[in-house]
Amino acid sequence: MSTPEAKVKQKVKKLFEQYGVYYFMPATGGFGRSGVPDFIACYRGKFIGVECKAGSNQPTALQERELRRIIDAGGAAFVVNEESIATLAAWLAAA
């Protein structure tokens, strides 16, 4: 059975596929940098980081740091859950 966060990730994948977004899900597992978002993506020349959470869960301090670094570098960063995925959808529609 899928976890609630896995269901959010599935919705993000579906949304990215609908818009033709290039994306990948980095595997950190001790080899990458901790806190990297669940999705690294590019859409119409804009770099995007997406961290998925279930319900009212919040990003860790490391995840917040990485999302802030993306924004500071001129990219877009989102924390999405079941409700706020609409914000990501609206951003893609407007891009």
C-alpha atoms as a PDB file:
ATOM      1  CA  MET A   1       0.000   0.000   0.000  1.00  0.00           C
ATOM      2  CA  SER A   2       1.244   3.516  -0.804  1.00  0.00           C
ATOM      3  CA  THR A   3       2.124   5.939   1.931  1.00  0.00           C
ATOM      4  CA  PRO A   4       0.323   9.296   1.987  1.00  0.00           C
ATOM      5  CA  GLU A   5       3.530  11.028   0.836  1.00  0.00           C
ATOM      6  CA  ALA A   6       3.935   8.547  -2.030  1.00  0.00           C
ATOM      7  CA  LYS A   7       0.435   9.490  -3.183  1.00  0.00           C
ATOM      8  CA  VAL A   8       1.450  13.156  -3.260  1.00  0.00           C
ATOM      9  CA  LYS A   9       4.536  12.228  -5.294  1.00  0.00           C
ATOM     10  CA  GLN A  10       2.340  10.332  -7.766  1.00  0.00           C
ATOM     11  CA  LYS A  11       0.170  13.430  -8.196  1.00  0.00           C
ATOM     12  CA  VAL A  12       3.243  15.583  -8.838  1.00  0.00           C
ATOM     13  CA  LYS A  13       4.516  13.082 -11.434  1.00  0.00           C
ATOM     14  CA  LYS A  14       1.148  13.099 -13.167  1.00  0.00           C
ATOM     15  CA  LEU A  15       1.067  16.905 -13.173  1.00  0.00           C
ATOM     16  CA  PHE A  16       4.615  17.113 -14.552  1.00  0.00           C
ATOM     17  CA  GLU A  17       3.773  14.614 -17.288  1.00  0.00           C
ATOM     18  CA  GLN A  18       0.639  16.587 -18.178  1.00  0.00           C
ATOM     19  CA  TYR A  19       2.731  19.730 -18.721  1.00  0.00           C
ATOM     20  CA  GLY A  20       5.731  18.029 -20.321  1.00  0.00           C
ATOM     21  CA  VAL A  21       8.057  18.974 -17.472  1.00  0.00           C
ATOM     22  CA  TYR A  22      11.545  17.469 -17.406  1.00  0.00           C
ATOM     23  CA  TYR A  23      12.084  15.992 -13.942  1.00  0.00           C
ATOM     24  CA  PHE A  24      13.923  13.419 -11.904  1.00  0.00           C
ATOM     25  CA  MET A  25      13.862  12.227  -8.324  1.00  0.00           C
ATOM     26  CA  PRO A  26      17.370  12.328  -6.859  1.00  0.00           C
ATOM     27  CA  ALA A  27      18.420   9.454  -4.640  1.00  0.00           C
ATOM     28  CA  THR A  28      20.379  10.839  -1.714  1.00  0.00           C
ATOM     29  CA  GLY A  29      20.917   7.672   0.367  1.00  0.00           C
ATOM     30  CA  GLY A  30      24.323   8.757   1.624  1.00  0.00           C
ATOM     31  CA  PHE A  31      25.675   9.598  -1.836  1.00  0.00           C
ATOM     32  CA  GLY A  32      24.077  12.984  -2.458  1.00  0.00           C
ATOM     33  CA  ARG A  33      23.544  16.142  -0.471  1.00  0.00           C
ATOM     34  CA  SER A  34      21.026  15.850   2.357  1.00  0.00           C
ATOM     35  CA  GLY A  35      17.872  17.926   2.090  1.00  0.00           C
ATOM     36  CA  VAL A  36      17.640  17.940  -1.707  1.00  0.00           C
ATOM     37  CA  PRO A  37      13.970  18.179  -2.788  1.00  0.00           C
ATOM     38  CA  ASP A  38      12.026  15.093  -3.863  1.00  0.00           C
ATOM     39  CA  PHE A  39      11.813  16.412  -7.435  1.00  0.00           C
ATOM     40  CA  ILE A  40      14.308  18.393  -9.467  1.00  0.00           C
ATOM     41  CA  ALA A  41      12.668  19.732 -12.602  1.00  0.00           C
ATOM     42  CA  CYS A  42      12.900  22.188 -15.457  1.00  0.00           C
ATOM     43  CA  TYR A  43       9.949  23.768 -17.218  1.00  0.00           C
ATOM     44  CA  ARG A  44      10.235  26.402 -19.928  1.00  0.00           C
ATOM     45  CA  GLY A  45      13.750  27.234 -18.831  1.00  0.00           C
ATOM     46  CA  LYS A  46      12.902  27.577 -15.143  1.00  0.00           C
ATOM     47  CA  PHE A  47      14.598  25.381 -12.538  1.00  0.00           C
ATOM     48  CA  ILE A  48      12.136  23.873 -10.030  1.00  0.00           C
ATOM     49  CA  GLY A  49      12.535  22.012  -6.754  1.00  0.00           C
ATOM     50  CA  VAL A  50       9.533  20.265  -5.214  1.00  0.00           C
ATOM     51  CA  GLU A  51       9.417  18.773  -1.728  1.00  0.00           C
ATOM     52  CA  CYS A  52       6.399  16.534  -1.095  1.00  0.00           C
ATOM     53  CA  LYS A  53       4.775  16.189   2.298  1.00  0.00           C
ATOM     54  CA  ALA A  54       1.653  14.438   3.515  1.00  0.00           C
ATOM     55  CA  GLY A  55      -0.967  16.275   5.520  1.00  0.00           C
ATOM     56  CA  SER A  56       0.461  18.930   7.815  1.00  0.00           C
ATOM     57  CA  ASN A  57       4.043  17.579   7.772  1.00  0.00           C
ATOM     58  CA  GLN A  58       6.662  20.282   7.281  1.00  0.00           C
ATOM     59  CA  PRO A  59      10.089  20.244   5.599  1.00  0.00           C
ATOM     60  CA  THR A  60      13.141  19.624   7.759  1.00  0.00           C
ATOM     61  CA  ALA A  61      15.683  22.385   8.335  1.00  0.00           C
ATOM     62  CA  LEU A  62      17.954  20.817   5.699  1.00  0.00           C
ATOM     63  CA  GLN A  63      15.103  20.679   3.194  1.00  0.00           C
ATOM     64  CA  GLU A  64      14.205  24.305   3.926  1.00  0.00           C
ATOM     65  CA  ARG A  65      17.846  25.278   3.365  1.00  0.00           C
ATOM     66  CA  GLU A  66      17.942  23.582  -0.037  1.00  0.00           C
ATOM     67  CA  LEU A  67      14.624  25.111  -1.140  1.00  0.00           C
ATOM     68  CA  ARG A  68      15.892  28.562  -0.088  1.00  0.00           C
ATOM     69  CA  ARG A  69      19.120  28.018  -2.061  1.00  0.00           C
ATOM     70  CA  ILE A  70      17.059  27.215  -5.174  1.00  0.00           C
ATOM     71  CA  ILE A  71      15.017  30.404  -4.752  1.00  0.00           C
ATOM     72  CA  ASP A  72      18.139  32.478  -4.079  1.00  0.00           C
ATOM     73  CA  ALA A  73      19.652  31.137  -7.320  1.00  0.00           C
ATOM     74  CA  GLY A  74      16.598  32.277  -9.305  1.00  0.00           C
ATOM     75  CA  GLY A  75      14.675  29.005  -9.385  1.00  0.00           C
ATOM     76  CA  ALA A  76      11.236  28.143  -8.087  1.00  0.00           C
ATOM     77  CA  ALA A  77      10.713  25.950  -5.026  1.00  0.00           C
ATOM     78  CA  PHE A  78       7.536  24.386  -3.704  1.00  0.00           C
ATOM     79  CA  VAL A  79       6.466  22.346  -0.706  1.00  0.00           C
ATOM     80  CA  VAL A  80       3.324  20.489  -1.727  1.00  0.00           C
ATOM     81  CA  ASN A  81       0.834  18.279   0.026  1.00  0.00           C
ATOM     82  CA  GLU A  82      -2.571  16.954  -0.974  1.00  0.00           C
ATOM     83  CA  GLU A  83      -4.111  20.433  -0.759  1.00  0.00           C
ATOM     84  CA  SER A  84      -1.327  22.740  -1.937  1.00  0.00           C
ATOM     85  CA  ILE A  85      -0.498  20.831  -5.112  1.00  0.00           C
ATOM     86  CA  ALA A  86      -2.959  23.228  -6.767  1.00  0.00           C
ATOM     87  CA  THR A  87      -0.379  26.005  -6.238  1.00  0.00           C
ATOM     88  CA  LEU A  88       2.165  24.059  -8.292  1.00  0.00           C
ATOM     89  CA  ALA A  89      -0.463  23.383 -10.973  1.00  0.00           C
ATOM     90  CA  ALA A  90      -1.327  27.100 -11.163  1.00  0.00           C
ATOM     91  CA  TRP A  91       2.362  28.027 -11.425  1.00  0.00           C
ATOM     92  CA  LEU A  92       2.870  25.581 -14.306  1.00  0.00           C
ATOM     93  CA  ALA A  93      -0.250  26.847 -16.085  1.00  0.00           C
ATOM     94  CA  ALA A  94       0.984  30.438 -15.821  1.00  0.00           C
ATOM     95  CA  ALA A  95       4.592  29.712 -16.834  1.00  0.00           C
END
